[in-house]
Amino acid sequence: MSFVTLASLPVKEIFGGTIRGYYAHLDKMTVGEVVLQANTPVPMHNHPHEQVTYVIEGRFEFTVGTETRILEPGVAALIPGGVMHGGKTLTDCRVLDIFVPVLEEYR
């Protein structure tokens, strides 16, 4: 599949269903459009995957390691593998998440 509308894929609920994502996968990468309501916590966590979180809509207070920033449209968080990260949405948000290597548990 060379082209995909992410939001048309089956929804994957993560973090106990508080976050909805629509994920597509290549052999070595996962990409997802993620929808979060205002005041949604994303628990601090880590994983071996490198991750890019790019904000499409909304405002998101986000921490990577020891650095915290307010992410707004056009801003990306670059998250190395194994680094703690998480935060809380300040408004309704839509973000693009990219993981390398592929995130098997999101298939």
Protein backbone atom coordinates (compact mmCIF):
# COMPACT_ATOMS: atom_id res chain seq x y z
CA MET A 1 0.00 0.00 0.00
CA SER A 2 1.80 3.15 -1.21
CA PHE A 3 -0.84 5.70 -0.14
CA VAL A 4 -3.03 5.79 2.93
CA THR A 5 -5.41 8.12 4.72
CA LEU A 6 -4.35 7.47 8.30
CA ALA A 7 -7.68 8.50 9.89
CA SER A 8 -9.50 5.92 7.74
CA LEU A 9 -7.54 3.03 9.31
CA PRO A 10 -8.90 1.05 12.26
CA VAL A 11 -8.45 2.93 15.52
CA LYS A 12 -5.92 1.72 18.06
CA GLU A 13 -6.62 2.80 21.63
CA ILE A 14 -3.52 3.31 23.75
CA PHE A 15 -2.82 4.17 27.38
CA GLY A 16 -6.06 2.56 28.51
CA GLY A 17 -8.13 4.03 25.70
CA THR A 18 -7.58 7.71 26.55
CA ILE A 19 -5.69 8.22 23.29
CA ARG A 20 -6.78 7.15 19.78
CA GLY A 21 -4.29 6.56 17.01
CA TYR A 22 -4.46 5.42 13.41
CA TYR A 23 -1.24 3.65 12.42
CA ALA A 24 0.36 2.48 9.20
CA HIS A 25 3.51 0.37 9.02
CA LEU A 26 6.44 -0.21 6.73
CA ASP A 27 9.06 -2.87 7.35
CA LYS A 28 11.14 -0.55 9.55
CA MET A 29 8.84 2.33 10.52
CA THR A 30 5.43 3.09 12.04
CA VAL A 31 3.55 6.33 11.38
CA GLY A 32 0.36 7.37 13.11
CA GLU A 33 -2.14 10.19 13.33
CA VAL A 34 -3.06 10.54 16.99
CA VAL A 35 -6.08 12.38 18.40
CA LEU A 36 -6.07 13.59 22.01
CA GLN A 37 -8.68 15.52 23.95
CA ALA A 38 -7.76 18.53 26.08
CA ASN A 39 -6.24 17.73 29.49
CA THR A 40 -5.24 14.21 28.45
CA PRO A 41 -2.19 12.96 30.33
CA VAL A 42 0.42 10.96 28.44
CA PRO A 43 2.26 9.09 31.21
CA MET A 44 6.04 9.37 31.31
CA HIS A 45 7.40 6.29 29.57
CA ASN A 46 10.20 5.09 27.35
CA HIS A 47 10.77 2.50 24.66
CA PRO A 48 13.71 1.47 22.50
CA HIS A 49 12.21 3.13 19.41
CA GLU A 50 13.27 6.54 18.16
CA GLN A 51 10.19 8.74 17.92
CA VAL A 52 9.17 12.02 16.31
CA THR A 53 5.99 13.69 17.55
CA TYR A 54 4.85 16.52 15.25
CA VAL A 55 1.93 18.72 16.31
CA ILE A 56 -0.65 19.34 13.58
CA GLU A 57 -3.31 21.00 15.77
CA GLY A 58 -3.48 22.11 19.40
CA ARG A 59 -1.10 22.80 22.30
CA PHE A 60 0.71 20.07 24.19
CA GLU A 61 2.99 20.42 27.23
CA PHE A 62 5.62 17.76 26.56
CA THR A 63 8.74 16.54 28.33
CA VAL A 64 11.67 14.73 26.73
CA GLY A 65 14.28 13.70 29.30
CA THR A 66 14.64 16.74 31.55
CA GLU A 67 13.42 19.35 29.02
CA THR A 68 9.78 20.51 28.95
CA ARG A 69 8.25 22.61 26.16
CA ILE A 70 4.84 23.71 24.93
CA LEU A 71 4.40 22.14 21.50
CA GLU A 72 2.22 24.00 19.01
CA PRO A 73 1.43 23.40 15.34
CA GLY A 74 4.59 22.96 13.35
CA VAL A 75 6.77 21.96 16.31
CA ALA A 76 8.27 18.48 16.60
CA ALA A 77 9.65 16.62 19.61
CA LEU A 78 12.65 14.46 18.68
CA ILE A 79 12.83 11.55 21.11
CA PRO A 80 15.84 9.21 21.15
CA GLY A 81 15.23 5.57 21.99
CA GLY A 82 15.26 4.80 25.72
CA VAL A 83 14.59 8.39 26.85
CA MET A 84 11.68 9.11 29.19
CA HIS A 85 8.97 11.28 27.67
CA GLY A 86 5.33 12.26 28.20
CA GLY A 87 3.13 15.21 29.02
CA LYS A 88 -0.38 16.62 29.01
CA THR A 89 -2.48 18.23 26.32
CA LEU A 90 -3.55 21.80 26.98
CA THR A 91 -6.17 21.77 24.21
CA ASP A 92 -7.60 19.18 21.85
CA CYS A 93 -4.66 17.97 19.76
CA ARG A 94 -3.85 16.09 16.61
CA VAL A 95 -0.27 14.89 16.20
CA LEU A 96 1.75 12.80 13.81
CA ASP A 97 3.90 10.15 15.52
CA ILE A 98 6.72 8.34 13.72
CA PHE A 99 8.56 5.37 15.25
CA VAL A 100 11.71 3.60 14.07
CA PRO A 101 11.94 0.63 14.07
CA VAL A 102 8.35 -0.46 13.51
CA LEU A 103 6.19 -0.49 16.66
CA GLU A 104 4.89 -4.05 16.52
CA GLU A 105 2.36 -3.61 19.36
CA TYR A 106 0.54 -0.96 17.27
CA ARG A 107 -0.04 -3.29 14.30
